[in-house]
Amino acid sequence: MRPQSDDLALTNKLATSFFLGILFSLFPYDYPLLWTASTTSEANFQTLEAHLRFLHNSPPVIPRILHIVISVGLLGFFIKLYKPSESNMLFDGASLVLYMCGFVVYMANIVKGLRVVSGGKYDVKLVEGEVAVGARGVTGGEEKLLGRDDSLKVLAASNTILALVLVGVLVLQTGQWYAERKQTQEIEQIRKDKTAANKANGSTQRAASAKKKA
């Protein structure tokens, strides 16, 4: 792998890990809504709602930094896919597809969900075709009213989906690093074996020449 590719791979991993860190910080709030068998208490909903409003109303520099990191990740993938090798097409192509899926989830579910929570305007009809993951009894294209509880569950489920997608990106990037590392080691080993074979042949030829002269 070229040094430039190493730098780009590191940039993509850092961007992905940055988003995973943000999602991990939301996990304590999402956990009572999705991952417990007991009924979610009103206090949990209020705590999550207050936290999401605080996030959405953060200073403009915060979302700008987030969007810059998103752009850096995308740019890194596009540069790596310029004149791609077979490895780039396989690993970086799949990583870019997952990254774009995560971006769609972020824009379609998370950003809209934050706006709804911040405005306190629940019970809004689902637009046909929008994803409503986590809302029980809601299917794609069906118009139903989502209350506060279901809206927060949809947002929490979207965070989980996004985290899984980003983990997939990291797995693919790590797999690419391992595959190219093994390939480099195999090429180096072949080169060493070839050099050793050439030296052995040279020694044999010199010995044969010495015998003829004798």
N, C-alpha and C. Protein backbone atom coordinates (compact mmCIF):
# COMPACT_ATOMS: atom_id res chain seq x y z
N MET A 1 0.84 -1.18 0.00
CA MET A 1 0.00 0.00 0.00
C MET A 1 0.88 1.24 0.00
N ARG A 2 0.53 2.25 -0.79
CA ARG A 2 1.32 3.46 -0.86
C ARG A 2 1.10 4.31 0.38
N PRO A 3 2.09 5.18 0.74
CA PRO A 3 1.93 6.03 1.91
C PRO A 3 0.68 6.89 1.86
N GLN A 4 0.35 7.41 0.64
CA GLN A 4 -0.84 8.23 0.52
C GLN A 4 -2.10 7.43 0.86
N SER A 5 -2.15 6.19 0.41
CA SER A 5 -3.29 5.33 0.71
C SER A 5 -3.38 5.04 2.20
N ASP A 6 -2.22 4.87 2.84
CA ASP A 6 -2.19 4.66 4.29
C ASP A 6 -2.81 5.86 5.01
N ASP A 7 -2.43 7.06 4.57
CA ASP A 7 -2.96 8.27 5.20
C ASP A 7 -4.46 8.38 4.99
N LEU A 8 -4.94 8.06 3.79
CA LEU A 8 -6.37 8.14 3.51
C LEU A 8 -7.15 7.10 4.30
N ALA A 9 -6.59 5.89 4.41
CA ALA A 9 -7.25 4.84 5.21
C ALA A 9 -7.34 5.27 6.67
N LEU A 10 -6.29 5.88 7.18
CA LEU A 10 -6.31 6.36 8.56
C LEU A 10 -7.35 7.47 8.72
N THR A 11 -7.45 8.35 7.73
CA THR A 11 -8.45 9.42 7.78
C THR A 11 -9.86 8.85 7.83
N ASN A 12 -10.14 7.85 7.00
CA ASN A 12 -11.47 7.24 6.99
C ASN A 12 -11.78 6.55 8.31
N LYS A 13 -10.79 5.86 8.86
CA LYS A 13 -11.00 5.19 10.15
C LYS A 13 -11.24 6.20 11.27
N LEU A 14 -10.49 7.30 11.26
CA LEU A 14 -10.67 8.32 12.29
C LEU A 14 -12.05 8.96 12.20
N ALA A 15 -12.49 9.26 10.97
CA ALA A 15 -13.82 9.86 10.79
C ALA A 15 -14.91 8.90 11.27
N THR A 16 -14.79 7.63 10.91
CA THR A 16 -15.78 6.64 11.32
C THR A 16 -15.77 6.45 12.84
N SER A 17 -14.59 6.40 13.42
CA SER A 17 -14.48 6.23 14.87
C SER A 17 -15.03 7.45 15.61
N PHE A 18 -14.87 8.61 15.02
CA PHE A 18 -15.42 9.84 15.61
C PHE A 18 -16.94 9.74 15.74
N PHE A 19 -17.60 9.28 14.68
CA PHE A 19 -19.06 9.14 14.71
C PHE A 19 -19.48 8.05 15.68
N LEU A 20 -18.72 6.96 15.72
CA LEU A 20 -19.05 5.89 16.67
C LEU A 20 -18.94 6.38 18.11
N GLY A 21 -17.97 7.25 18.37
CA GLY A 21 -17.84 7.82 19.71
C GLY A 21 -19.06 8.64 20.09
N ILE A 22 -19.57 9.42 19.14
CA ILE A 22 -20.78 10.22 19.40
C ILE A 22 -21.96 9.30 19.69
N LEU A 23 -22.11 8.25 18.88
CA LEU A 23 -23.23 7.32 19.07
C LEU A 23 -23.10 6.56 20.39
N PHE A 24 -21.87 6.24 20.77
CA PHE A 24 -21.67 5.54 22.05
C PHE A 24 -22.08 6.43 23.22
N SER A 25 -21.84 7.74 23.09
CA SER A 25 -22.24 8.65 24.16
C SER A 25 -23.76 8.74 24.29
N LEU A 26 -24.49 8.39 23.21
CA LEU A 26 -25.95 8.39 23.26
C LEU A 26 -26.52 7.06 23.74
N PHE A 27 -25.69 6.02 23.80
CA PHE A 27 -26.18 4.69 24.13
C PHE A 27 -26.83 4.62 25.52
N PRO A 28 -26.29 5.28 26.56
CA PRO A 28 -26.97 5.22 27.87
C PRO A 28 -28.39 5.78 27.83
N TYR A 29 -28.65 6.71 26.92
CA TYR A 29 -30.00 7.27 26.80
C TYR A 29 -30.91 6.35 25.98
N ASP A 30 -30.32 5.70 24.96
CA ASP A 30 -31.13 4.82 24.09
C ASP A 30 -31.40 3.46 24.71
N TYR A 31 -30.52 3.02 25.59
CA TYR A 31 -30.61 1.66 26.13
C TYR A 31 -31.96 1.36 26.79
N PRO A 32 -32.48 2.23 27.68
CA PRO A 32 -33.77 1.90 28.32
C PRO A 32 -34.93 1.81 27.35
N LEU A 33 -34.81 2.46 26.19
CA LEU A 33 -35.91 2.47 25.22
C LEU A 33 -35.96 1.20 24.38
N LEU A 34 -34.79 0.61 24.11
CA LEU A 34 -34.73 -0.48 23.15
C LEU A 34 -34.29 -1.82 23.73
N TRP A 35 -33.46 -1.80 24.76
CA TRP A 35 -32.76 -3.02 25.14
C TRP A 35 -33.14 -3.55 26.52
N THR A 36 -34.22 -3.07 27.08
CA THR A 36 -34.68 -3.59 28.37
C THR A 36 -36.08 -4.18 28.20
N ALA A 37 -36.33 -5.26 28.94
CA ALA A 37 -37.64 -5.91 28.86
C ALA A 37 -38.71 -5.13 29.62
N SER A 38 -38.28 -4.38 30.64
CA SER A 38 -39.24 -3.64 31.45
C SER A 38 -39.76 -2.41 30.70
N THR A 39 -40.88 -1.93 31.14
CA THR A 39 -41.49 -0.75 30.52
C THR A 39 -40.64 0.48 30.80
N THR A 40 -40.41 1.27 29.75
CA THR A 40 -39.60 2.48 29.90
C THR A 40 -40.35 3.50 30.74
N SER A 41 -39.67 4.03 31.74
CA SER A 41 -40.31 4.99 32.63
C SER A 41 -40.40 6.37 31.98
N GLU A 42 -41.30 7.18 32.51
CA GLU A 42 -41.46 8.54 32.01
C GLU A 42 -40.19 9.35 32.22
N ALA A 43 -39.45 9.06 33.30
CA ALA A 43 -38.21 9.80 33.57
C ALA A 43 -37.18 9.56 32.48
N ASN A 44 -37.11 8.33 31.95
CA ASN A 44 -36.16 8.04 30.88
C ASN A 44 -36.50 8.82 29.61
N PHE A 45 -37.79 8.88 29.29
CA PHE A 45 -38.19 9.65 28.11
C PHE A 45 -37.87 11.13 28.29
N GLN A 46 -38.13 11.66 29.47
CA GLN A 46 -37.86 13.07 29.72
C GLN A 46 -36.36 13.38 29.67
N THR A 47 -35.55 12.46 30.22
CA THR A 47 -34.10 12.65 30.19
C THR A 47 -33.58 12.65 28.77
N LEU A 48 -34.03 11.67 27.96
CA LEU A 48 -33.60 11.61 26.57
C LEU A 48 -34.07 12.83 25.80
N GLU A 49 -35.30 13.25 26.03
CA GLU A 49 -35.84 14.40 25.33
C GLU A 49 -35.04 15.66 25.65
N ALA A 50 -34.71 15.85 26.91
CA ALA A 50 -33.92 17.02 27.31
C ALA A 50 -32.53 16.99 26.69
N HIS A 51 -31.93 15.79 26.65
CA HIS A 51 -30.59 15.65 26.08
C HIS A 51 -30.60 15.95 24.58
N LEU A 52 -31.59 15.44 23.86
CA LEU A 52 -31.68 15.66 22.42
C LEU A 52 -31.94 17.13 22.11
N ARG A 53 -32.74 17.79 22.91
CA ARG A 53 -32.97 19.22 22.71
C ARG A 53 -31.68 20.00 22.93
N PHE A 54 -30.93 19.58 23.93
CA PHE A 54 -29.65 20.25 24.20
C PHE A 54 -28.70 20.07 23.02
N LEU A 55 -28.66 18.86 22.46
CA LEU A 55 -27.80 18.61 21.30
C LEU A 55 -28.23 19.45 20.09
N HIS A 56 -29.53 19.47 19.82
CA HIS A 56 -30.02 20.17 18.64
C HIS A 56 -29.83 21.68 18.75
N ASN A 57 -29.87 22.18 19.96
CA ASN A 57 -29.72 23.63 20.18
C ASN A 57 -28.29 24.03 20.50
N SER A 58 -27.34 23.14 20.24
CA SER A 58 -25.92 23.46 20.49
C SER A 58 -25.46 24.56 19.54
N PRO A 59 -24.36 25.24 19.85
CA PRO A 59 -23.85 26.33 18.99
C PRO A 59 -23.60 25.85 17.57
N PRO A 60 -23.74 26.72 16.58
CA PRO A 60 -23.59 26.31 15.17
C PRO A 60 -22.25 25.66 14.85
N VAL A 61 -21.21 26.00 15.61
CA VAL A 61 -19.89 25.44 15.31
C VAL A 61 -19.88 23.92 15.50
N ILE A 62 -20.73 23.40 16.39
CA ILE A 62 -20.75 21.96 16.66
C ILE A 62 -21.23 21.18 15.43
N PRO A 63 -22.42 21.48 14.87
CA PRO A 63 -22.81 20.74 13.66
C PRO A 63 -21.89 21.00 12.47
N ARG A 64 -21.26 22.19 12.42
CA ARG A 64 -20.32 22.45 11.33
C ARG A 64 -19.12 21.53 11.40
N ILE A 65 -18.60 21.33 12.61
CA ILE A 65 -17.48 20.40 12.78
C ILE A 65 -17.91 18.99 12.37
N LEU A 66 -19.12 18.60 12.78
CA LEU A 66 -19.64 17.27 12.43
C LEU A 66 -19.72 17.10 10.93
N HIS A 67 -20.25 18.08 10.24
CA HIS A 67 -20.41 17.99 8.79
C HIS A 67 -19.06 18.05 8.07
N ILE A 68 -18.10 18.76 8.63
CA ILE A 68 -16.76 18.77 8.05
C ILE A 68 -16.14 17.38 8.14
N VAL A 69 -16.30 16.72 9.28
CA VAL A 69 -15.76 15.37 9.45
C VAL A 69 -16.45 14.40 8.48
N ILE A 70 -17.77 14.55 8.31
CA ILE A 70 -18.48 13.71 7.34
C ILE A 70 -17.90 13.92 5.94
N SER A 71 -17.67 15.18 5.58
CA SER A 71 -17.12 15.49 4.25
C SER A 71 -15.71 14.94 4.07
N VAL A 72 -14.90 15.03 5.13
CA VAL A 72 -13.53 14.49 5.06
C VAL A 72 -13.56 12.99 4.83
N GLY A 73 -14.47 12.28 5.52
CA GLY A 73 -14.60 10.84 5.31
C GLY A 73 -14.99 10.50 3.88
N LEU A 74 -15.98 11.21 3.35
CA LEU A 74 -16.41 10.99 1.97
C LEU A 74 -15.28 11.28 0.98
N LEU A 75 -14.59 12.40 1.19
CA LEU A 75 -13.50 12.77 0.30
C LEU A 75 -12.40 11.72 0.31
N GLY A 76 -12.11 11.18 1.49
CA GLY A 76 -11.10 10.13 1.59
C GLY A 76 -11.45 8.91 0.77
N PHE A 77 -12.72 8.49 0.82
CA PHE A 77 -13.14 7.33 0.03
C PHE A 77 -13.08 7.61 -1.46
N PHE A 78 -13.51 8.80 -1.87
CA PHE A 78 -13.50 9.13 -3.30
C PHE A 78 -12.07 9.19 -3.84
N ILE A 79 -11.14 9.73 -3.05
CA ILE A 79 -9.74 9.80 -3.49
C ILE A 79 -9.15 8.40 -3.60
N LYS A 80 -9.47 7.53 -2.63
CA LYS A 80 -8.94 6.17 -2.67
C LYS A 80 -9.49 5.39 -3.87
N LEU A 81 -10.70 5.76 -4.33
CA LEU A 81 -11.31 5.06 -5.45
C LEU A 81 -10.92 5.66 -6.80
N TYR A 82 -10.04 6.68 -6.78
CA TYR A 82 -9.55 7.23 -8.05
C TYR A 82 -8.47 6.29 -8.61
N LYS A 83 -8.68 5.80 -9.81
CA LYS A 83 -7.81 4.79 -10.41
C LYS A 83 -7.61 3.62 -9.44
N PRO A 84 -8.70 2.95 -9.11
CA PRO A 84 -8.64 1.95 -8.03
C PRO A 84 -7.98 0.65 -8.46
N SER A 85 -7.40 -0.02 -7.48
CA SER A 85 -6.93 -1.39 -7.67
C SER A 85 -8.09 -2.33 -7.35
N GLU A 86 -7.85 -3.63 -7.51
CA GLU A 86 -8.89 -4.61 -7.20
C GLU A 86 -9.28 -4.55 -5.73
N SER A 87 -8.28 -4.33 -4.86
CA SER A 87 -8.53 -4.23 -3.43
C SER A 87 -9.37 -3.01 -3.11
N ASN A 88 -9.06 -1.88 -3.77
CA ASN A 88 -9.83 -0.66 -3.54
C ASN A 88 -11.29 -0.84 -3.96
N MET A 89 -11.49 -1.47 -5.11
CA MET A 89 -12.85 -1.66 -5.60
C MET A 89 -13.67 -2.51 -4.64
N LEU A 90 -13.04 -3.54 -4.08
CA LEU A 90 -13.75 -4.46 -3.20
C LEU A 90 -14.02 -3.84 -1.84
N PHE A 91 -12.97 -3.43 -1.16
CA PHE A 91 -13.11 -2.95 0.22
C PHE A 91 -13.59 -1.50 0.29
N ASP A 92 -12.95 -0.60 -0.46
CA ASP A 92 -13.34 0.80 -0.39
C ASP A 92 -14.70 1.04 -1.03
N GLY A 93 -15.00 0.28 -2.10
CA GLY A 93 -16.32 0.42 -2.72
C GLY A 93 -17.43 0.02 -1.75
N ALA A 94 -17.26 -1.12 -1.08
CA ALA A 94 -18.26 -1.56 -0.10
C ALA A 94 -18.32 -0.61 1.08
N SER A 95 -17.15 -0.10 1.50
CA SER A 95 -17.12 0.86 2.62
C SER A 95 -17.87 2.14 2.27
N LEU A 96 -17.69 2.60 1.03
CA LEU A 96 -18.38 3.82 0.60
C LEU A 96 -19.89 3.61 0.56
N VAL A 97 -20.33 2.42 0.10
CA VAL A 97 -21.76 2.13 0.09
C VAL A 97 -22.33 2.17 1.50
N LEU A 98 -21.65 1.54 2.45
CA LEU A 98 -22.11 1.56 3.85
C LEU A 98 -22.08 2.97 4.42
N TYR A 99 -21.03 3.72 4.09
CA TYR A 99 -20.90 5.10 4.58
C TYR A 99 -22.07 5.95 4.08
N MET A 100 -22.44 5.77 2.82
CA MET A 100 -23.55 6.52 2.25
C MET A 100 -24.88 6.07 2.87
N CYS A 101 -25.01 4.78 3.16
CA CYS A 101 -26.21 4.31 3.86
C CYS A 101 -26.33 4.97 5.23
N GLY A 102 -25.20 5.07 5.93
CA GLY A 102 -25.20 5.75 7.21
C GLY A 102 -25.57 7.22 7.08
N PHE A 103 -25.09 7.85 6.01
CA PHE A 103 -25.41 9.27 5.77
C PHE A 103 -26.91 9.45 5.52
N VAL A 104 -27.51 8.51 4.77
CA VAL A 104 -28.95 8.58 4.51
C VAL A 104 -29.74 8.42 5.81
N VAL A 105 -29.34 7.46 6.65
CA VAL A 105 -30.00 7.28 7.94
C VAL A 105 -29.88 8.54 8.79
N TYR A 106 -28.70 9.14 8.77
CA TYR A 106 -28.48 10.38 9.54
C TYR A 106 -29.40 11.50 9.07
N MET A 107 -29.47 11.71 7.75
CA MET A 107 -30.27 12.82 7.23
C MET A 107 -31.77 12.53 7.32
N ALA A 108 -32.18 11.29 7.01
CA ALA A 108 -33.60 10.98 6.92
C ALA A 108 -34.26 10.77 8.27
N ASN A 109 -33.53 10.16 9.21
CA ASN A 109 -34.14 9.82 10.49
C ASN A 109 -33.63 10.68 11.64
N ILE A 110 -32.31 10.79 11.77
CA ILE A 110 -31.75 11.43 12.96
C ILE A 110 -31.95 12.94 12.92
N VAL A 111 -31.61 13.58 11.80
CA VAL A 111 -31.78 15.04 11.72
C VAL A 111 -33.25 15.42 11.86
N LYS A 112 -34.12 14.71 11.15
CA LYS A 112 -35.55 14.99 11.26
C LYS A 112 -36.06 14.73 12.67
N GLY A 113 -35.58 13.64 13.26
CA GLY A 113 -35.99 13.32 14.62
C GLY A 113 -35.58 14.38 15.62
N LEU A 114 -34.36 14.90 15.48
CA LEU A 114 -33.91 15.97 16.37
C LEU A 114 -34.76 17.23 16.22
N ARG A 115 -35.15 17.53 14.99
CA ARG A 115 -36.00 18.70 14.76
C ARG A 115 -37.37 18.52 15.41
N VAL A 116 -37.91 17.31 15.29
CA VAL A 116 -39.21 17.03 15.89
C VAL A 116 -39.13 17.15 17.41
N VAL A 117 -38.09 16.54 17.99
CA VAL A 117 -37.95 16.57 19.45
C VAL A 117 -37.71 17.99 19.93
N SER A 118 -36.86 18.72 19.23
CA SER A 118 -36.56 20.09 19.65
C SER A 118 -37.79 20.98 19.56
N GLY A 119 -38.62 20.77 18.52
CA GLY A 119 -39.83 21.58 18.38
C GLY A 119 -40.98 21.09 19.21
N GLY A 120 -40.89 19.84 19.69
CA GLY A 120 -41.97 19.28 20.49
C GLY A 120 -43.22 18.99 19.70
N LYS A 121 -43.08 18.87 18.37
CA LYS A 121 -44.24 18.64 17.50
C LYS A 121 -44.30 17.16 17.13
N TYR A 122 -44.99 16.40 17.95
CA TYR A 122 -45.14 14.98 17.68
C TYR A 122 -46.48 14.73 16.97
N ASP A 123 -46.83 13.46 16.84
CA ASP A 123 -48.07 13.07 16.18
C ASP A 123 -48.16 13.62 14.77
N VAL A 124 -47.00 13.55 14.04
CA VAL A 124 -46.95 13.99 12.66
C VAL A 124 -47.08 12.79 11.75
N LYS A 125 -47.83 12.92 10.66
CA LYS A 125 -48.02 11.80 9.76
C LYS A 125 -46.72 11.44 9.06
N LEU A 126 -46.49 10.14 8.91
CA LEU A 126 -45.32 9.67 8.18
C LEU A 126 -45.49 9.96 6.70
N VAL A 127 -44.46 10.48 6.08
CA VAL A 127 -44.49 10.68 4.64
C VAL A 127 -44.29 9.34 3.97
N GLU A 128 -45.01 9.10 2.92
CA GLU A 128 -44.94 7.80 2.26
C GLU A 128 -43.52 7.50 1.82
N GLY A 129 -43.02 6.32 2.18
CA GLY A 129 -41.69 5.89 1.78
C GLY A 129 -40.65 6.15 2.85
N GLU A 130 -40.93 6.94 3.88
CA GLU A 130 -39.92 7.19 4.91
C GLU A 130 -39.76 5.97 5.80
N VAL A 131 -38.58 5.81 6.32
CA VAL A 131 -38.29 4.68 7.19
C VAL A 131 -38.74 5.01 8.60
N ALA A 132 -39.42 4.09 9.25
CA ALA A 132 -39.86 4.29 10.63
C ALA A 132 -39.47 3.07 11.44
N VAL A 133 -38.17 2.83 11.55
CA VAL A 133 -37.67 1.65 12.23
C VAL A 133 -37.88 1.80 13.73
N GLY A 134 -38.42 0.78 14.35
CA GLY A 134 -38.56 0.80 15.80
C GLY A 134 -39.96 1.14 16.25
N ALA A 135 -40.78 1.74 15.39
CA ALA A 135 -42.15 2.06 15.77
C ALA A 135 -43.03 0.83 15.53
N ARG A 136 -43.55 0.29 16.57
CA ARG A 136 -44.30 -0.96 16.44
C ARG A 136 -45.59 -0.73 15.64
N GLY A 137 -45.85 -1.62 14.71
CA GLY A 137 -47.07 -1.54 13.95
C GLY A 137 -47.02 -0.60 12.77
N VAL A 138 -45.86 -0.01 12.49
CA VAL A 138 -45.74 0.92 11.38
C VAL A 138 -44.98 0.25 10.26
N THR A 139 -45.56 0.25 9.07
CA THR A 139 -44.90 -0.32 7.91
C THR A 139 -44.60 0.77 6.90
N GLY A 140 -43.67 0.49 5.99
CA GLY A 140 -43.25 1.47 5.01
C GLY A 140 -44.41 1.93 4.14
N GLY A 141 -44.56 3.26 3.98
CA GLY A 141 -45.59 3.82 3.14
C GLY A 141 -46.94 3.99 3.83
N GLU A 142 -47.07 3.47 5.02
CA GLU A 142 -48.34 3.57 5.74
C GLU A 142 -48.39 4.87 6.51
N GLU A 143 -49.52 5.56 6.48
CA GLU A 143 -49.66 6.82 7.20
C GLU A 143 -50.23 6.55 8.59
N LYS A 144 -49.41 6.79 9.59
CA LYS A 144 -49.85 6.63 10.97
C LYS A 144 -49.29 7.78 11.78
N LEU A 145 -49.87 8.00 12.94
CA LEU A 145 -49.40 9.07 13.80
C LEU A 145 -48.40 8.51 14.79
N LEU A 146 -47.25 9.19 14.90
CA LEU A 146 -46.22 8.79 15.85
C LEU A 146 -46.25 9.74 17.05
N GLY A 147 -46.48 9.18 18.22
CA GLY A 147 -46.45 9.98 19.42
C GLY A 147 -45.03 10.21 19.90
N ARG A 148 -44.91 10.82 21.07
CA ARG A 148 -43.58 11.14 21.59
C ARG A 148 -42.77 9.88 21.85
N ASP A 149 -43.37 8.88 22.50
CA ASP A 149 -42.63 7.68 22.86
C ASP A 149 -42.11 6.95 21.63
N ASP A 150 -42.98 6.76 20.64
CA ASP A 150 -42.56 6.06 19.42
C ASP A 150 -41.54 6.87 18.63
N SER A 151 -41.67 8.18 18.62
CA SER A 151 -40.70 9.02 17.91
C SER A 151 -39.31 8.90 18.53
N LEU A 152 -39.26 8.87 19.84
CA LEU A 152 -37.97 8.72 20.51
C LEU A 152 -37.39 7.33 20.28
N LYS A 153 -38.26 6.32 20.21
CA LYS A 153 -37.77 4.96 19.92
C LYS A 153 -37.24 4.85 18.49
N VAL A 154 -37.91 5.52 17.56
CA VAL A 154 -37.42 5.53 16.18
C VAL A 154 -36.03 6.17 16.12
N LEU A 155 -35.86 7.26 16.83
CA LEU A 155 -34.57 7.94 16.85
C LEU A 155 -33.49 7.07 17.48
N ALA A 156 -33.83 6.39 18.58
CA ALA A 156 -32.87 5.50 19.23
C ALA A 156 -32.51 4.33 18.32
N ALA A 157 -33.50 3.77 17.62
CA ALA A 157 -33.23 2.67 16.70
C ALA A 157 -32.36 3.13 15.54
N SER A 158 -32.57 4.36 15.08
CA SER A 158 -31.74 4.90 14.00
C SER A 158 -30.29 5.03 14.43
N ASN A 159 -30.07 5.43 15.67
CA ASN A 159 -28.71 5.50 16.20
C ASN A 159 -28.05 4.12 16.19
N THR A 160 -28.82 3.10 16.57
CA THR A 160 -28.28 1.73 16.58
C THR A 160 -27.94 1.26 15.16
N ILE A 161 -28.84 1.54 14.22
CA ILE A 161 -28.59 1.15 12.83
C ILE A 161 -27.34 1.85 12.30
N LEU A 162 -27.22 3.14 12.58
CA LEU A 162 -26.05 3.90 12.12
C LEU A 162 -24.77 3.34 12.73
N ALA A 163 -24.82 2.97 14.01
CA ALA A 163 -23.63 2.41 14.66
C ALA A 163 -23.22 1.09 14.00
N LEU A 164 -24.18 0.23 13.68
CA LEU A 164 -23.87 -1.04 13.02
C LEU A 164 -23.26 -0.81 11.63
N VAL A 165 -23.80 0.17 10.91
CA VAL A 165 -23.26 0.48 9.58
C VAL A 165 -21.82 0.96 9.69
N LEU A 166 -21.54 1.82 10.65
CA LEU A 166 -20.19 2.35 10.81
C LEU A 166 -19.21 1.27 11.28
N VAL A 167 -19.68 0.36 12.11
CA VAL A 167 -18.83 -0.77 12.50
C VAL A 167 -18.48 -1.60 11.26
N GLY A 168 -19.45 -1.76 10.36
CA GLY A 168 -19.18 -2.45 9.11
C GLY A 168 -18.10 -1.76 8.29
N VAL A 169 -18.12 -0.43 8.27
CA VAL A 169 -17.08 0.32 7.56
C VAL A 169 -15.71 0.05 8.17
N LEU A 170 -15.64 0.08 9.49
CA LEU A 170 -14.36 -0.19 10.16
C LEU A 170 -13.87 -1.61 9.89
N VAL A 171 -14.79 -2.58 9.89
CA VAL A 171 -14.41 -3.98 9.62
C VAL A 171 -13.84 -4.10 8.21
N LEU A 172 -14.48 -3.46 7.24
CA LEU A 172 -14.00 -3.52 5.86
C LEU A 172 -12.63 -2.85 5.71
N GLN A 173 -12.46 -1.71 6.34
CA GLN A 173 -11.18 -1.01 6.25
C GLN A 173 -10.06 -1.80 6.93
N THR A 174 -10.39 -2.42 8.06
CA THR A 174 -9.40 -3.26 8.74
C THR A 174 -9.09 -4.50 7.90
N GLY A 175 -10.12 -5.07 7.27
CA GLY A 175 -9.90 -6.21 6.39
C GLY A 175 -9.01 -5.87 5.21
N GLN A 176 -9.19 -4.67 4.66
CA GLN A 176 -8.34 -4.23 3.55
C GLN A 176 -6.89 -4.09 4.01
N TRP A 177 -6.71 -3.51 5.19
CA TRP A 177 -5.34 -3.34 5.72
C TRP A 177 -4.68 -4.71 5.92
N TYR A 178 -5.42 -5.68 6.46
CA TYR A 178 -4.86 -7.00 6.71
C TYR A 178 -4.54 -7.71 5.40
N ALA A 179 -5.46 -7.62 4.41
CA ALA A 179 -5.24 -8.29 3.13
C ALA A 179 -4.02 -7.72 2.42
N GLU A 180 -3.88 -6.40 2.42
CA GLU A 180 -2.74 -5.79 1.75
C GLU A 180 -1.44 -6.04 2.50
N ARG A 181 -1.53 -6.12 3.81
CA ARG A 181 -0.34 -6.45 4.62
C ARG A 181 0.14 -7.87 4.31
N LYS A 182 -0.80 -8.82 4.24
CA LYS A 182 -0.43 -10.20 3.90
C LYS A 182 0.13 -10.28 2.49
N GLN A 183 -0.46 -9.53 1.57
CA GLN A 183 0.03 -9.53 0.20
C GLN A 183 1.46 -9.00 0.13
N THR A 184 1.72 -7.92 0.88
CA THR A 184 3.07 -7.35 0.91
C THR A 184 4.07 -8.34 1.49
N GLN A 185 3.67 -9.04 2.55
CA GLN A 185 4.55 -10.04 3.16
C GLN A 185 4.84 -11.18 2.19
N GLU A 186 3.81 -11.62 1.45
CA GLU A 186 4.01 -12.71 0.50
C GLU A 186 4.94 -12.28 -0.64
N ILE A 187 4.76 -11.06 -1.13
CA ILE A 187 5.63 -10.55 -2.20
C ILE A 187 7.07 -10.45 -1.71
N GLU A 188 7.24 -9.98 -0.47
CA GLU A 188 8.58 -9.85 0.09
C GLU A 188 9.22 -11.22 0.27
N GLN A 189 8.43 -12.20 0.68
CA GLN A 189 8.96 -13.55 0.87
C GLN A 189 9.36 -14.16 -0.47
N ILE A 190 8.53 -13.96 -1.50
CA ILE A 190 8.87 -14.44 -2.84
C ILE A 190 10.16 -13.79 -3.33
N ARG A 191 10.31 -12.51 -3.07
CA ARG A 191 11.52 -11.79 -3.49
C ARG A 191 12.75 -12.34 -2.78
N LYS A 192 12.61 -12.62 -1.47
CA LYS A 192 13.74 -13.18 -0.73
C LYS A 192 14.10 -14.57 -1.24
N ASP A 193 13.06 -15.40 -1.50
CA ASP A 193 13.32 -16.75 -2.01
C ASP A 193 14.00 -16.70 -3.37
N LYS A 194 13.57 -15.75 -4.19
CA LYS A 194 14.16 -15.62 -5.52
C LYS A 194 15.61 -15.18 -5.43
N THR A 195 15.89 -14.24 -4.51
CA THR A 195 17.26 -13.77 -4.31
C THR A 195 18.15 -14.90 -3.81
N ALA A 196 17.61 -15.68 -2.85
CA ALA A 196 18.38 -16.81 -2.31
C ALA A 196 18.64 -17.85 -3.40
N ALA A 197 17.64 -18.10 -4.25
CA ALA A 197 17.81 -19.07 -5.33
C ALA A 197 18.85 -18.59 -6.33
N ASN A 198 18.84 -17.29 -6.64
CA ASN A 198 19.83 -16.74 -7.56
C ASN A 198 21.24 -16.86 -6.99
N LYS A 199 21.37 -16.62 -5.69
CA LYS A 199 22.67 -16.74 -5.05
C LYS A 199 23.15 -18.19 -5.08
N ALA A 200 22.24 -19.12 -4.83
CA ALA A 200 22.61 -20.54 -4.84
C ALA A 200 23.03 -20.98 -6.24
N ASN A 201 22.31 -20.51 -7.25
CA ASN A 201 22.67 -20.84 -8.63
C ASN A 201 24.03 -20.25 -9.01
N GLY A 202 24.26 -19.03 -8.54
CA GLY A 202 25.56 -18.39 -8.81
C GLY A 202 26.70 -19.17 -8.18
N SER A 203 26.47 -19.60 -6.95
CA SER A 203 27.51 -20.37 -6.26
C SER A 203 27.77 -21.69 -6.98
N THR A 204 26.70 -22.35 -7.43
CA THR A 204 26.84 -23.63 -8.15
C THR A 204 27.61 -23.44 -9.45
N GLN A 205 27.29 -22.37 -10.16
CA GLN A 205 27.97 -22.11 -11.43
C GLN A 205 29.45 -21.80 -11.22
N ARG A 206 29.75 -21.04 -10.17
CA ARG A 206 31.16 -20.73 -9.88
C ARG A 206 31.92 -21.99 -9.51
N ALA A 207 31.27 -22.88 -8.73
CA ALA A 207 31.93 -24.13 -8.34
C ALA A 207 32.18 -25.01 -9.56
N ALA A 208 31.18 -25.04 -10.47
CA ALA A 208 31.36 -25.84 -11.69
C ALA A 208 32.48 -25.28 -12.56
N SER A 209 32.55 -23.96 -12.66
CA SER A 209 33.62 -23.34 -13.45
C SER A 209 34.99 -23.61 -12.86
N ALA A 210 35.08 -23.59 -11.52
CA ALA A 210 36.36 -23.87 -10.86
C ALA A 210 36.80 -25.31 -11.12
N LYS A 211 35.86 -26.25 -11.12
CA LYS A 211 36.21 -27.64 -11.39
C LYS A 211 36.72 -27.83 -12.80
N LYS A 212 36.07 -27.12 -13.76
CA LYS A 212 36.53 -27.22 -15.17
C LYS A 212 37.93 -26.69 -15.34
N LYS A 213 38.25 -25.60 -14.68
CA LYS A 213 39.59 -25.02 -14.77
C LYS A 213 40.62 -25.95 -14.14
N ALA A 214 40.19 -26.62 -13.07
CA ALA A 214 41.13 -27.55 -12.43
C ALA A 214 41.36 -28.75 -13.31
